[in-house]
């Protein structure tokens, strides 16, 4: 069995490409997870602010009706 240099080149190229794509996918997945976590925190903060504003509005309504 004779080893063809062209086949070795294709194997190395394909292996390198697969490693590159795997690393890119892993880093992208990690970045997306971080962004998703940040968005959840922002959404929670937004709901806390809305809740506080609603409480203030309720207190103001109560005080102005007296």
PDB file of N, CA and C in Angstrom:
ATOM      1  N   UNK A   1       0.846  -1.183   0.000  1.00  0.00           N
ATOM      2  CA  UNK A   1       0.000   0.000   0.000  1.00  0.00           C
ATOM      3  C   UNK A   1       0.888   1.242   0.000  1.00  0.00           C
ATOM      4  N   UNK A   2       0.636   2.075  -0.945  1.00  0.00           N
ATOM      5  CA  UNK A   2       1.445   3.277  -1.104  1.00  0.00           C
ATOM      6  C   UNK A   2       0.663   4.478  -0.559  1.00  0.00           C
ATOM      7  N   UNK A   3       1.340   5.321   0.214  1.00  0.00           N
ATOM      8  CA  UNK A   3       0.707   6.514   0.789  1.00  0.00           C
ATOM      9  C   UNK A   3       0.825   7.638  -0.233  1.00  0.00           C
ATOM     10  N   UNK A   4      -0.315   8.186  -0.560  1.00  0.00           N
ATOM     11  CA  UNK A   4      -0.355   9.273  -1.522  1.00  0.00           C
ATOM     12  C   UNK A   4      -0.233  10.592  -0.758  1.00  0.00           C
ATOM     13  N   UNK A   5       0.697  11.427  -1.160  1.00  0.00           N
ATOM     14  CA  UNK A   5       0.950  12.711  -0.503  1.00  0.00           C
ATOM     15  C   UNK A   5      -0.293  13.594  -0.578  1.00  0.00           C
ATOM     16  N   UNK A   6      -1.013  13.510  -1.663  1.00  0.00           N
ATOM     17  CA  UNK A   6      -2.215  14.321  -1.839  1.00  0.00           C
ATOM     18  C   UNK A   6      -3.273  13.941  -0.800  1.00  0.00           C
ATOM     19  N   UNK A   7      -3.435  12.658  -0.535  1.00  0.00           N
ATOM     20  CA  UNK A   7      -4.407  12.214   0.472  1.00  0.00           C
ATOM     21  C   UNK A   7      -4.000  12.658   1.875  1.00  0.00           C
ATOM     22  N   UNK A   8      -2.704  12.649   2.159  1.00  0.00           N
ATOM     23  CA  UNK A   8      -2.212  13.119   3.453  1.00  0.00           C
ATOM     24  C   UNK A   8      -2.507  14.606   3.601  1.00  0.00           C
ATOM     25  N   UNK A   9      -2.287  15.353   2.542  1.00  0.00           N
ATOM     26  CA  UNK A   9      -2.573  16.784   2.556  1.00  0.00           C
ATOM     27  C   UNK A   9      -4.064  17.027   2.823  1.00  0.00           C
ATOM     28  N   UNK A  10      -4.945  16.284   2.132  1.00  0.00           N
ATOM     29  CA  UNK A  10      -6.385  16.440   2.338  1.00  0.00           C
ATOM     30  C   UNK A  10      -6.775  16.086   3.767  1.00  0.00           C
ATOM     31  N   UNK A  11      -6.184  15.049   4.313  1.00  0.00           N
ATOM     32  CA  UNK A  11      -6.490  14.628   5.686  1.00  0.00           C
ATOM     33  C   UNK A  11      -6.079  15.711   6.686  1.00  0.00           C
ATOM     34  N   UNK A  12      -4.895  16.259   6.499  1.00  0.00           N
ATOM     35  CA  UNK A  12      -4.417  17.312   7.402  1.00  0.00           C
ATOM     36  C   UNK A  12      -5.285  18.556   7.258  1.00  0.00           C
ATOM     37  N   UNK A  13      -5.639  18.909   6.039  1.00  0.00           N
ATOM     38  CA  UNK A  13      -6.486  20.080   5.809  1.00  0.00           C
ATOM     39  C   UNK A  13      -7.854  19.890   6.447  1.00  0.00           C
ATOM     40  N   UNK A  14      -8.439  18.730   6.256  1.00  0.00           N
ATOM     41  CA  UNK A  14      -9.756  18.444   6.832  1.00  0.00           C
ATOM     42  C   UNK A  14      -9.701  18.433   8.354  1.00  0.00           C
ATOM     43  N   UNK A  15      -8.660  17.840   8.908  1.00  0.00           N
ATOM     44  CA  UNK A  15      -8.507  17.817  10.372  1.00  0.00           C
ATOM     45  C   UNK A  15      -8.357  19.226  10.933  1.00  0.00           C
ATOM     46  N   UNK A  16      -7.563  20.047  10.266  1.00  0.00           N
ATOM     47  CA  UNK A  16      -7.380  21.428  10.717  1.00  0.00           C
ATOM     48  C   UNK A  16      -8.684  22.196  10.644  1.00  0.00           C
ATOM     49  N   UNK A  17      -9.432  21.991   9.565  1.00  0.00           N
ATOM     50  CA  UNK A  17     -10.713  22.676   9.403  1.00  0.00           C
ATOM     51  C   UNK A  17     -11.688  22.267  10.498  1.00  0.00           C
ATOM     52  N   UNK A  18     -11.754  20.986  10.799  1.00  0.00           N
ATOM     53  CA  UNK A  18     -12.656  20.494  11.846  1.00  0.00           C
ATOM     54  C   UNK A  18     -12.263  21.072  13.200  1.00  0.00           C
ATOM     55  N   UNK A  19     -10.987  21.138  13.508  1.00  0.00           N
ATOM     56  CA  UNK A  19     -10.535  21.728  14.764  1.00  0.00           C
ATOM     57  C   UNK A  19     -10.877  23.212  14.828  1.00  0.00           C
ATOM     58  N   UNK A  20     -10.690  23.925  13.727  1.00  0.00           N
ATOM     59  CA  UNK A  20     -11.010  25.352  13.670  1.00  0.00           C
ATOM     60  C   UNK A  20     -12.506  25.577  13.900  1.00  0.00           C
ATOM     61  N   UNK A  21     -13.340  24.812  13.210  1.00  0.00           N
ATOM     62  CA  UNK A  21     -14.788  24.966  13.347  1.00  0.00           C
ATOM     63  C   UNK A  21     -15.230  24.614  14.764  1.00  0.00           C
ATOM     64  N   UNK A  22     -14.651  23.583  15.348  1.00  0.00           N
ATOM     65  CA  UNK A  22     -14.985  23.204  16.723  1.00  0.00           C
ATOM     66  C   UNK A  22     -14.618  24.291  17.718  1.00  0.00           C
ATOM     67  N   UNK A  23     -13.455  24.880  17.552  1.00  0.00           N
ATOM     68  CA  UNK A  23     -13.032  25.958  18.451  1.00  0.00           C
ATOM     69  C   UNK A  23     -13.927  27.178  18.276  1.00  0.00           C
ATOM     70  N   UNK A  24     -14.251  27.505  17.043  1.00  0.00           N
ATOM     71  CA  UNK A  24     -15.135  28.649  16.773  1.00  0.00           C
ATOM     72  C   UNK A  24     -16.509  28.417  17.379  1.00  0.00           C
ATOM     73  N   UNK A  25     -17.050  27.213  17.225  1.00  0.00           N
ATOM     74  CA  UNK A  25     -18.364  26.890  17.775  1.00  0.00           C
ATOM     75  C   UNK A  25     -18.339  26.993  19.303  1.00  0.00           C
ATOM     76  N   UNK A  26     -17.287  26.479  19.912  1.00  0.00           N
ATOM     77  CA  UNK A  26     -17.179  26.539  21.372  1.00  0.00           C
ATOM     78  C   UNK A  26     -17.095  27.957  21.890  1.00  0.00           C
ATOM     79  N   UNK A  27     -16.298  28.782  21.242  1.00  0.00           N
ATOM     80  CA  UNK A  27     -16.164  30.165  21.704  1.00  0.00           C
ATOM     81  C   UNK A  27     -17.452  30.946  21.466  1.00  0.00           C
ATOM     82  N   UNK A  28     -18.113  30.691  20.338  1.00  0.00           N
ATOM     83  CA  UNK A  28     -19.368  31.381  20.045  1.00  0.00           C
ATOM     84  C   UNK A  28     -20.448  30.964  21.034  1.00  0.00           C
ATOM     85  N   UNK A  29     -20.488  29.686  21.347  1.00  0.00           N
ATOM     86  CA  UNK A  29     -21.478  29.192  22.302  1.00  0.00           C
ATOM     87  C   UNK A  29     -21.258  29.825  23.679  1.00  0.00           C
ATOM     88  N   UNK A  30     -20.002  29.965  24.075  1.00  0.00           N
ATOM     89  CA  UNK A  30     -19.685  30.582  25.361  1.00  0.00           C
ATOM     90  C   UNK A  30     -20.102  32.053  25.370  1.00  0.00           C
ATOM     91  N   UNK A  31     -19.810  32.765  24.278  1.00  0.00           N
ATOM     92  CA  UNK A  31     -20.180  34.177  24.193  1.00  0.00           C
ATOM     93  C   UNK A  31     -21.692  34.350  24.220  1.00  0.00           C
ATOM     94  N   UNK A  32     -22.407  33.492  23.517  1.00  0.00           N
ATOM     95  CA  UNK A  32     -23.873  33.572  23.508  1.00  0.00           C
ATOM     96  C   UNK A  32     -24.449  33.295  24.893  1.00  0.00           C
ATOM     97  N   UNK A  33     -23.852  32.367  25.625  1.00  0.00           N
ATOM     98  CA  UNK A  33     -24.312  32.079  26.979  1.00  0.00           C
ATOM     99  C   UNK A  33     -24.102  33.295  27.884  1.00  0.00           C
ATOM    100  N   UNK A  34     -22.966  33.980  27.728  1.00  0.00           N
ATOM    101  CA  UNK A  34     -22.701  35.181  28.525  1.00  0.00           C
ATOM    102  C   UNK A  34     -23.699  36.291  28.191  1.00  0.00           C
ATOM    103  N   UNK A  35     -23.985  36.473  26.914  1.00  0.00           N
ATOM    104  CA  UNK A  35     -24.953  37.493  26.506  1.00  0.00           C
ATOM    105  C   UNK A  35     -26.332  37.165  27.043  1.00  0.00           C
ATOM    106  N   UNK A  36     -26.709  35.891  26.986  1.00  0.00           N
ATOM    107  CA  UNK A  36     -28.013  35.470  27.499  1.00  0.00           C
ATOM    108  C   UNK A  36     -28.124  35.738  28.992  1.00  0.00           C
ATOM    109  N   UNK A  37     -27.061  35.484  29.736  1.00  0.00           N
ATOM    110  CA  UNK A  37     -27.058  35.751  31.173  1.00  0.00           C
ATOM    111  C   UNK A  37     -27.200  37.251  31.435  1.00  0.00           C
ATOM    112  N   UNK A  38     -26.461  38.055  30.680  1.00  0.00           N
ATOM    113  CA  UNK A  38     -26.562  39.513  30.837  1.00  0.00           C
ATOM    114  C   UNK A  38     -27.968  40.010  30.539  1.00  0.00           C
ATOM    115  N   UNK A  39     -28.598  39.461  29.503  1.00  0.00           N
ATOM    116  CA  UNK A  39     -29.954  39.881  29.158  1.00  0.00           C
ATOM    117  C   UNK A  39     -30.957  39.506  30.241  1.00  0.00           C
ATOM    118  N   UNK A  40     -30.766  38.345  30.848  1.00  0.00           N
ATOM    119  CA  UNK A  40     -31.659  37.943  31.938  1.00  0.00           C
ATOM    120  C   UNK A  40     -31.530  38.903  33.115  1.00  0.00           C
ATOM    121  N   UNK A  41     -30.295  39.309  33.415  1.00  0.00           N
ATOM    122  CA  UNK A  41     -30.078  40.260  34.507  1.00  0.00           C
ATOM    123  C   UNK A  41     -30.725  41.601  34.194  1.00  0.00           C
ATOM    124  N   UNK A  42     -30.596  42.062  32.959  1.00  0.00           N
ATOM    125  CA  UNK A  42     -31.203  43.335  32.567  1.00  0.00           C
ATOM    126  C   UNK A  42     -32.716  43.244  32.657  1.00  0.00           C
ATOM    127  N   UNK A  43     -33.270  42.124  32.212  1.00  0.00           N
ATOM    128  CA  UNK A  43     -34.713  41.948  32.262  1.00  0.00           C
ATOM    129  C   UNK A  43     -35.197  41.951  33.708  1.00  0.00           C
ATOM    130  N   UNK A  44     -34.469  41.285  34.607  1.00  0.00           N
ATOM    131  CA  UNK A  44     -34.840  41.282  36.021  1.00  0.00           C
ATOM    132  C   UNK A  44     -34.759  42.689  36.606  1.00  0.00           C
ATOM    133  N   UNK A  45     -33.711  43.426  36.243  1.00  0.00           N
ATOM    134  CA  UNK A  45     -33.578  44.803  36.720  1.00  0.00           C
ATOM    135  C   UNK A  45     -34.730  45.652  36.218  1.00  0.00           C
ATOM    136  N   UNK A  46     -35.110  45.454  34.968  1.00  0.00           N
ATOM    137  CA  UNK A  46     -36.205  46.229  34.382  1.00  0.00           C
ATOM    138  C   UNK A  46     -37.498  45.960  35.151  1.00  0.00           C
ATOM    139  N   UNK A  47     -37.761  44.698  35.473  1.00  0.00           N
ATOM    140  CA  UNK A  47     -38.988  44.372  36.204  1.00  0.00           C
ATOM    141  C   UNK A  47     -38.949  44.921  37.627  1.00  0.00           C
ATOM    142  N   UNK A  48     -37.771  44.940  38.239  1.00  0.00           N
ATOM    143  CA  UNK A  48     -37.652  45.524  39.571  1.00  0.00           C
ATOM    144  C   UNK A  48     -37.947  47.025  39.528  1.00  0.00           C
ATOM    145  N   UNK A  49     -37.447  47.705  38.520  1.00  0.00           N
ATOM    146  CA  UNK A  49     -37.691  49.149  38.383  1.00  0.00           C
ATOM    147  C   UNK A  49     -39.167  49.410  38.154  1.00  0.00           C
ATOM    148  N   UNK A  50     -39.784  48.623  37.278  1.00  0.00           N
ATOM    149  CA  UNK A  50     -41.219  48.793  37.014  1.00  0.00           C
ATOM    150  C   UNK A  50     -42.025  48.545  38.282  1.00  0.00           C
ATOM    151  N   UNK A  51     -41.639  47.532  39.050  1.00  0.00           N
ATOM    152  CA  UNK A  51     -42.336  47.225  40.294  1.00  0.00           C
ATOM    153  C   UNK A  51     -42.205  48.379  41.293  1.00  0.00           C
ATOM    154  N   UNK A  52     -41.008  48.923  41.409  1.00  0.00           N
ATOM    155  CA  UNK A  52     -40.807  50.062  42.328  1.00  0.00           C
ATOM    156  C   UNK A  52     -41.606  51.282  41.885  1.00  0.00           C
ATOM    157  N   UNK A  53     -41.629  51.538  40.574  1.00  0.00           N
ATOM    158  CA  UNK A  53     -42.405  52.672  40.069  1.00  0.00           C
ATOM    159  C   UNK A  53     -43.908  52.475  40.325  1.00  0.00           C
ATOM    160  N   UNK A  54     -44.365  51.257  40.188  1.00  0.00           N
ATOM    161  CA  UNK A  54     -45.784  50.979  40.456  1.00  0.00           C
ATOM    162  C   UNK A  54     -46.104  51.209  41.926  1.00  0.00           C
ATOM    163  N   UNK A  55     -45.195  50.824  42.814  1.00  0.00           N
ATOM    164  CA  UNK A  55     -45.412  51.055  44.256  1.00  0.00           C
ATOM    165  C   UNK A  55     -45.449  52.545  44.564  1.00  0.00           C
ATOM    166  N   UNK A  56     -44.532  53.294  43.964  1.00  0.00           N
ATOM    167  CA  UNK A  56     -44.503  54.747  44.175  1.00  0.00           C
ATOM    168  C   UNK A  56     -45.797  55.367  43.663  1.00  0.00           C
ATOM    169  N   UNK A  57     -46.242  54.929  42.488  1.00  0.00           N
ATOM    170  CA  UNK A  57     -47.475  55.459  41.922  1.00  0.00           C
ATOM    171  C   UNK A  57     -48.670  55.156  42.831  1.00  0.00           C
ATOM    172  N   UNK A  58     -48.699  53.949  43.392  1.00  0.00           N
ATOM    173  CA  UNK A  58     -49.786  53.580  44.298  1.00  0.00           C
ATOM    174  C   UNK A  58     -49.759  54.454  45.551  1.00  0.00           C
ATOM    175  N   UNK A  59     -48.557  54.670  46.094  1.00  0.00           N
ATOM    176  CA  UNK A  59     -48.444  55.525  47.282  1.00  0.00           C
ATOM    177  C   UNK A  59     -48.870  56.959  46.975  1.00  0.00           C
ATOM    178  N   UNK A  60     -48.455  57.464  45.803  1.00  0.00           N
ATOM    179  CA  UNK A  60     -48.844  58.816  45.418  1.00  0.00           C
ATOM    180  C   UNK A  60     -50.356  58.920  45.223  1.00  0.00           C
ATOM    181  N   UNK A  61     -50.957  57.925  44.621  1.00  0.00           N
ATOM    182  CA  UNK A  61     -52.408  57.926  44.450  1.00  0.00           C
ATOM    183  C   UNK A  61     -53.099  57.942  45.812  1.00  0.00           C
ATOM    184  N   UNK A  62     -52.591  57.151  46.743  1.00  0.00           N
ATOM    185  CA  UNK A  62     -53.179  57.081  48.077  1.00  0.00           C
ATOM    186  C   UNK A  62     -53.053  58.431  48.789  1.00  0.00           C
ATOM    187  N   UNK A  63     -51.858  59.048  48.670  1.00  0.00           N
ATOM    188  CA  UNK A  63     -51.623  60.314  49.357  1.00  0.00           C
ATOM    189  C   UNK A  63     -52.442  61.457  48.745  1.00  0.00           C
ATOM    190  N   UNK A  64     -52.620  61.440  47.436  1.00  0.00           N
ATOM    191  CA  UNK A  64     -53.362  62.546  46.819  1.00  0.00           C
ATOM    192  C   UNK A  64     -54.863  62.410  46.992  1.00  0.00           C
ATOM    193  N   UNK A  65     -55.352  61.240  47.285  1.00  0.00           N
ATOM    194  CA  UNK A  65     -56.801  61.051  47.477  1.00  0.00           C
ATOM    195  C   UNK A  65     -57.225  61.355  48.912  1.00  0.00           C
ATOM    196  N   UNK A  66     -56.296  61.536  49.797  1.00  0.00           N
ATOM    197  CA  UNK A  66     -56.667  61.831  51.204  1.00  0.00           C
ATOM    198  C   UNK A  66     -57.013  63.251  51.407  1.00  0.00           C
TER     199      UNK A  66
END
